[in-house]
Amino acid sequence: MKLALFNDNRLGVVVDDSTIVDVTAALPQHDTGLGAGFWVRLCRDFAELRPAIESAVSTGPRHTLTEVELGAPVLNPTKVIAAASNYTEHIEEMSDKGLPEWMLESDVFLKAPSSIVGQGPITLPALDAEIHYECELAFVIGKGGKDIPVESALEHVFGWTILLDITERGKGDRSRRKSYDGFTPIGPWVVTADEVDSWQDMAIVMRLNDIVRQDVRAGDMLVSVPQIIANASRVMTLNPGDVITTGAPPGVGKIESGDRIDAKISGIGQLLIDVR
């Protein structure tokens, strides 16, 4: 099931390449306050809510995707957790930039949830530094937990999505350089975990101005999705609705005003972002 948030955080199911069905009525409560309680409950209790949502697909109002405004398909997560240095070739391309050794080791760090946007555009801040793209496979936590075992980690995944980890290159803390407003485009929707047989087989392809810049298989990452979940949960409790992104594939580079990013992940869809 492809779940999207649209038009002031109404819940929609995308049923084909052009149609979204408003299934908000299937939710036991739809509050759009700062706490985003309905979204957290959906992530946590999806198995329980799914029958009502599926029923609403046949009766809910239908719109073409061009008629609605899609937002980011996540709402006020408590955390955006990012994996660092998770593809060998990306580590190699960054090692030539004189980074300290610790920045080339696998780890996790945090991005500000306030940096999340939907389909953009990205507005570049006035900085005397290059701004780079990183197209990544990301997922949303359903069942939360602490000290989650690797063997059961995928049971905590609510669904999968595309995330762009926009980055100010330079010195200083990762979290600051990656947390400017608009630096975390996510979308276009979340594909629920039951729709993905093998996350390892997902193809991640990103084009900048129609030129392929990143092209990998998710299974090429050094630290697997289950291991990322286990590692992160040893440090911090994972909450329903939290977002975890799996690290930059090789081929990162500079973006400038006027550029267009075309990010695709097989089994999920396409995220188009303009830069201004």
Protein backbone atom coordinates (compact mmCIF):
# COMPACT_ATOMS: atom_id res chain seq x y z
CA MET A 1 0.00 0.00 0.00
CA LYS A 2 1.30 3.46 -0.92
CA LEU A 3 0.34 5.94 1.80
CA ALA A 4 0.62 9.68 1.23
CA LEU A 5 -0.19 12.84 3.13
CA PHE A 6 -1.85 15.54 1.06
CA ASN A 7 -3.84 18.78 1.32
CA ASP A 8 -3.22 19.71 4.97
CA ASN A 9 -2.26 16.21 6.09
CA ARG A 10 -5.18 14.17 4.84
CA LEU A 11 -4.33 10.49 4.46
CA GLY A 12 -4.39 9.08 0.96
CA VAL A 13 -3.76 5.73 -0.71
CA VAL A 14 -2.14 5.93 -4.14
CA VAL A 15 -3.85 3.25 -6.23
CA ASP A 16 -2.18 3.75 -9.61
CA ASP A 17 0.23 6.12 -11.25
CA SER A 18 -2.27 8.96 -11.33
CA THR A 19 -4.94 8.49 -8.63
CA ILE A 20 -5.04 9.05 -4.88
CA VAL A 21 -7.98 8.03 -2.68
CA ASP A 22 -8.80 10.03 0.45
CA VAL A 23 -9.08 7.45 3.26
CA THR A 24 -8.96 9.91 6.16
CA ALA A 25 -12.43 8.80 7.27
CA ALA A 26 -11.02 5.37 8.12
CA LEU A 27 -8.90 6.81 10.92
CA PRO A 28 -10.37 6.62 14.44
CA GLN A 29 -9.21 10.20 14.94
CA HIS A 30 -7.66 12.73 12.58
CA ASP A 31 -5.92 15.50 14.46
CA THR A 32 -3.45 17.74 12.71
CA GLY A 33 -1.94 19.40 15.76
CA LEU A 34 1.75 19.63 16.46
CA GLY A 35 1.79 16.19 18.03
CA ALA A 36 0.54 14.50 14.82
CA GLY A 37 -1.07 11.82 16.96
CA PHE A 38 -3.01 10.23 14.12
CA TRP A 39 0.17 9.61 12.14
CA VAL A 40 1.98 8.06 15.10
CA ARG A 41 -1.00 5.78 15.74
CA LEU A 42 -1.10 4.81 12.07
CA CYS A 43 2.59 3.85 12.10
CA ARG A 44 2.25 1.92 15.35
CA ASP A 45 -1.14 0.27 14.75
CA PHE A 46 -1.18 -0.19 10.97
CA ALA A 47 -2.08 -3.89 11.13
CA GLU A 48 -5.14 -3.04 13.20
CA LEU A 49 -6.17 -0.07 11.04
CA ARG A 50 -5.44 -1.64 7.66
CA PRO A 51 -8.85 -3.35 7.11
CA ALA A 52 -10.71 -0.05 7.54
CA ILE A 53 -8.24 1.74 5.25
CA GLU A 54 -8.60 -0.95 2.58
CA SER A 55 -12.38 -0.65 2.79
CA ALA A 56 -12.17 3.12 2.45
CA VAL A 57 -10.19 2.75 -0.79
CA SER A 58 -13.38 1.60 -2.52
CA THR A 59 -15.58 4.37 -1.10
CA GLY A 60 -13.33 7.38 -0.46
CA PRO A 61 -13.13 10.49 -2.65
CA ARG A 62 -10.75 10.04 -5.57
CA HIS A 63 -8.43 12.70 -6.98
CA THR A 64 -5.78 12.76 -9.64
CA LEU A 65 -2.33 13.34 -8.25
CA THR A 66 -2.12 16.56 -10.25
CA GLU A 67 -5.14 17.92 -8.33
CA VAL A 68 -3.62 17.58 -4.89
CA GLU A 69 -0.58 18.88 -3.06
CA LEU A 70 1.52 16.05 -1.69
CA GLY A 71 3.39 16.74 1.51
CA ALA A 72 6.20 14.78 3.07
CA PRO A 73 4.79 11.32 3.87
CA VAL A 74 5.93 11.58 7.49
CA LEU A 75 4.69 13.93 10.18
CA ASN A 76 6.72 15.43 13.01
CA PRO A 77 8.97 12.44 13.76
CA THR A 78 10.80 12.63 17.06
CA LYS A 79 14.02 11.82 15.21
CA VAL A 80 15.59 11.61 11.77
CA ILE A 81 18.44 9.12 12.15
CA ALA A 82 21.00 8.91 9.36
CA ALA A 83 23.61 6.27 8.63
CA ALA A 84 27.07 7.58 7.78
CA SER A 85 29.72 6.05 5.52
CA ASN A 86 27.64 3.07 4.43
CA TYR A 87 28.87 2.45 0.85
CA THR A 88 32.49 1.58 0.09
CA GLU A 89 32.77 3.74 -3.03
CA HIS A 90 31.28 6.74 -1.23
CA ILE A 91 33.88 6.36 1.53
CA GLU A 92 36.57 6.28 -1.15
CA GLU A 93 35.31 9.40 -2.91
CA MET A 94 35.14 11.30 0.39
CA SER A 95 38.53 10.10 1.62
CA ASP A 96 40.19 12.30 -1.01
CA LYS A 97 38.72 15.43 0.62
CA GLY A 98 40.96 15.37 3.69
CA LEU A 99 38.24 14.39 6.17
CA PRO A 100 39.25 13.12 9.60
CA GLU A 101 39.32 9.34 9.87
CA TRP A 102 36.35 9.15 12.23
CA MET A 103 34.07 10.72 9.61
CA LEU A 104 34.78 7.81 7.25
CA GLU A 105 33.69 5.17 9.75
CA SER A 106 30.19 3.68 9.83
CA ASP A 107 28.02 5.39 12.43
CA VAL A 108 24.67 7.11 12.91
CA PHE A 109 23.87 10.79 13.47
CA LEU A 110 20.77 12.99 13.74
CA LYS A 111 19.17 15.48 11.38
CA ALA A 112 16.68 18.07 12.59
CA PRO A 113 13.06 16.99 11.86
CA SER A 114 12.36 20.62 10.97
CA SER A 115 14.51 20.12 7.84
CA ILE A 116 11.87 17.79 6.33
CA VAL A 117 9.95 18.88 3.23
CA GLY A 118 7.91 17.04 0.65
CA GLN A 119 8.53 17.60 -3.04
CA GLY A 120 10.41 20.80 -2.42
CA PRO A 121 11.67 22.98 -3.89
CA ILE A 122 14.98 23.20 -2.08
CA THR A 123 15.92 26.80 -1.38
CA LEU A 124 19.68 27.09 -1.01
CA PRO A 125 20.88 29.10 2.00
CA ALA A 126 23.41 31.88 1.46
CA LEU A 127 26.59 30.00 2.33
CA ASP A 128 30.20 30.25 1.24
CA ALA A 129 30.27 26.48 0.74
CA GLU A 130 29.11 23.86 -1.73
CA ILE A 131 25.73 22.22 -1.19
CA HIS A 132 25.58 18.56 -2.19
CA TYR A 133 22.84 16.02 -2.90
CA GLU A 134 22.71 12.50 -1.45
CA CYS A 135 19.87 10.20 -2.59
CA GLU A 136 19.09 7.49 -0.04
CA LEU A 137 16.72 4.65 0.79
CA ALA A 138 14.85 5.54 3.98
CA PHE A 139 12.23 3.90 6.16
CA VAL A 140 9.72 4.79 8.85
CA ILE A 141 9.56 3.03 12.20
CA GLY A 142 6.28 1.34 13.07
CA LYS A 143 6.69 -0.59 16.30
CA GLY A 144 9.12 1.29 18.49
CA GLY A 145 11.67 -0.22 20.81
CA LYS A 146 15.01 -0.18 22.58
CA ASP A 147 17.88 -2.66 22.13
CA ILE A 148 16.16 -4.26 19.14
CA PRO A 149 17.77 -7.56 18.03
CA VAL A 150 19.01 -7.77 14.44
CA GLU A 151 16.95 -10.91 13.90
CA SER A 152 13.62 -9.13 14.48
CA ALA A 153 14.60 -5.63 13.38
CA LEU A 154 12.59 -5.62 10.12
CA GLU A 155 9.42 -6.22 12.17
CA HIS A 156 9.84 -2.62 13.34
CA VAL A 157 9.69 -1.13 9.81
CA PHE A 158 6.36 0.50 8.94
CA GLY A 159 7.31 1.36 5.37
CA TRP A 160 9.89 2.59 2.87
CA THR A 161 10.44 5.91 1.14
CA ILE A 162 12.97 8.08 -0.73
CA LEU A 163 15.04 10.67 1.14
CA LEU A 164 17.46 13.32 -0.09
CA ASP A 165 20.11 14.12 2.50
CA ILE A 166 21.12 17.62 1.37
CA THR A 167 24.44 18.61 2.86
CA GLU A 168 26.64 21.65 3.35
CA ARG A 169 30.17 20.42 2.63
CA GLY A 170 32.83 21.66 4.96
CA LYS A 171 34.01 21.48 8.53
CA GLY A 172 31.80 21.17 11.53
CA ASP A 173 29.21 18.84 12.96
CA ARG A 174 27.26 16.70 10.47
CA SER A 175 23.96 17.39 12.20
CA ARG A 176 24.31 21.16 11.74
CA ARG A 177 25.47 20.96 8.12
CA LYS A 178 22.54 18.71 7.18
CA SER A 179 19.74 20.40 9.13
CA TYR A 180 18.99 23.62 7.28
CA ASP A 181 15.30 24.09 6.53
CA GLY A 182 14.42 22.09 3.43
CA PHE A 183 17.52 19.87 3.57
CA THR A 184 15.52 16.63 3.99
CA PRO A 185 13.08 16.13 1.10
CA ILE A 186 11.12 12.90 1.61
CA GLY A 187 8.56 11.24 -0.63
CA PRO A 188 6.55 10.92 -2.63
CA TRP A 189 4.83 8.38 -0.32
CA VAL A 190 5.54 5.53 2.07
CA VAL A 191 5.29 2.00 0.68
CA THR A 192 4.21 -0.28 3.53
CA ALA A 193 6.65 -2.99 4.53
CA ASP A 194 4.44 -5.86 3.38
CA GLU A 195 4.80 -4.62 -0.22
CA VAL A 196 8.60 -5.02 -0.20
CA ASP A 197 9.89 -8.60 -0.47
CA SER A 198 13.58 -7.73 -0.44
CA TRP A 199 14.91 -4.31 0.47
CA GLN A 200 18.34 -5.43 -0.75
CA ASP A 201 17.11 -5.62 -4.35
CA MET A 202 15.89 -2.02 -4.50
CA ALA A 203 17.68 -0.02 -7.20
CA ILE A 204 18.60 3.55 -6.20
CA VAL A 205 19.06 5.85 -9.19
CA MET A 206 19.44 9.63 -9.03
CA ARG A 207 19.70 11.97 -12.00
CA LEU A 208 20.80 15.58 -11.84
CA ASN A 209 19.53 17.52 -14.86
CA ASP A 210 18.86 14.19 -16.65
CA ILE A 211 22.40 12.86 -16.06
CA VAL A 212 22.75 9.76 -13.87
CA ARG A 213 24.87 10.59 -10.83
CA GLN A 214 24.06 7.78 -8.40
CA ASP A 215 23.16 4.20 -9.36
CA VAL A 216 23.44 1.37 -6.83
CA ARG A 217 21.58 -1.58 -5.38
CA ALA A 218 20.53 -1.12 -1.75
CA GLY A 219 22.12 -4.44 -0.90
CA ASP A 220 25.53 -2.88 -1.63
CA MET A 221 25.47 -0.98 1.67
CA LEU A 222 28.03 -2.04 4.28
CA VAL A 223 25.72 -2.02 7.31
CA SER A 224 22.38 -3.65 6.58
CA VAL A 225 19.00 -2.18 7.44
CA PRO A 226 18.45 -4.63 10.33
CA GLN A 227 21.88 -3.82 11.71
CA ILE A 228 21.27 -0.05 11.44
CA ILE A 229 18.07 -0.50 13.45
CA ALA A 230 19.87 -2.58 16.06
CA ASN A 231 22.79 -0.13 16.30
CA ALA A 232 20.60 2.95 16.60
CA SER A 233 18.26 1.36 19.15
CA ARG A 234 21.17 0.54 21.43
CA VAL A 235 21.73 4.29 21.78
CA MET A 236 18.21 5.73 21.62
CA THR A 237 14.68 4.42 21.88
CA LEU A 238 13.05 4.28 18.45
CA ASN A 239 9.54 5.73 18.41
CA PRO A 240 6.68 5.09 15.97
CA GLY A 241 7.02 7.52 13.08
CA ASP A 242 10.77 8.02 13.43
CA VAL A 243 12.65 8.20 10.12
CA ILE A 244 15.88 6.31 9.45
CA THR A 245 17.90 6.82 6.28
CA THR A 246 20.53 4.35 5.17
CA GLY A 247 23.44 6.42 3.88
CA ALA A 248 24.72 8.05 0.71
CA PRO A 249 25.63 5.92 -2.30
CA PRO A 250 28.68 7.00 -4.33
CA GLY A 251 28.34 9.83 -6.82
CA VAL A 252 27.45 12.74 -4.54
CA GLY A 253 27.97 16.21 -5.93
CA LYS A 254 27.12 19.88 -6.02
CA ILE A 255 23.68 21.40 -6.64
CA GLU A 256 22.97 24.94 -7.77
CA SER A 257 19.93 27.10 -8.38
CA GLY A 258 18.07 25.91 -11.47
CA ASP A 259 19.02 22.25 -11.05
CA ARG A 260 16.47 19.45 -11.01
CA ILE A 261 16.92 16.25 -8.99
CA ASP A 262 15.15 13.11 -10.19
CA ALA A 263 15.40 10.41 -7.52
CA LYS A 264 13.99 6.93 -8.14
CA ILE A 265 13.99 3.79 -6.03
CA SER A 266 12.48 0.65 -7.50
CA GLY A 267 9.39 -0.51 -5.66
CA ILE A 268 8.79 2.97 -4.23
CA GLY A 269 8.55 5.58 -6.97
CA GLN A 270 10.03 8.89 -8.05
CA LEU A 271 10.82 12.10 -6.15
CA LEU A 272 11.33 15.22 -8.29
CA ILE A 273 12.94 18.22 -6.61
CA ASP A 274 13.78 21.63 -8.06
CA VAL A 275 16.62 23.71 -6.63
CA ARG A 276 16.38 27.48 -6.31
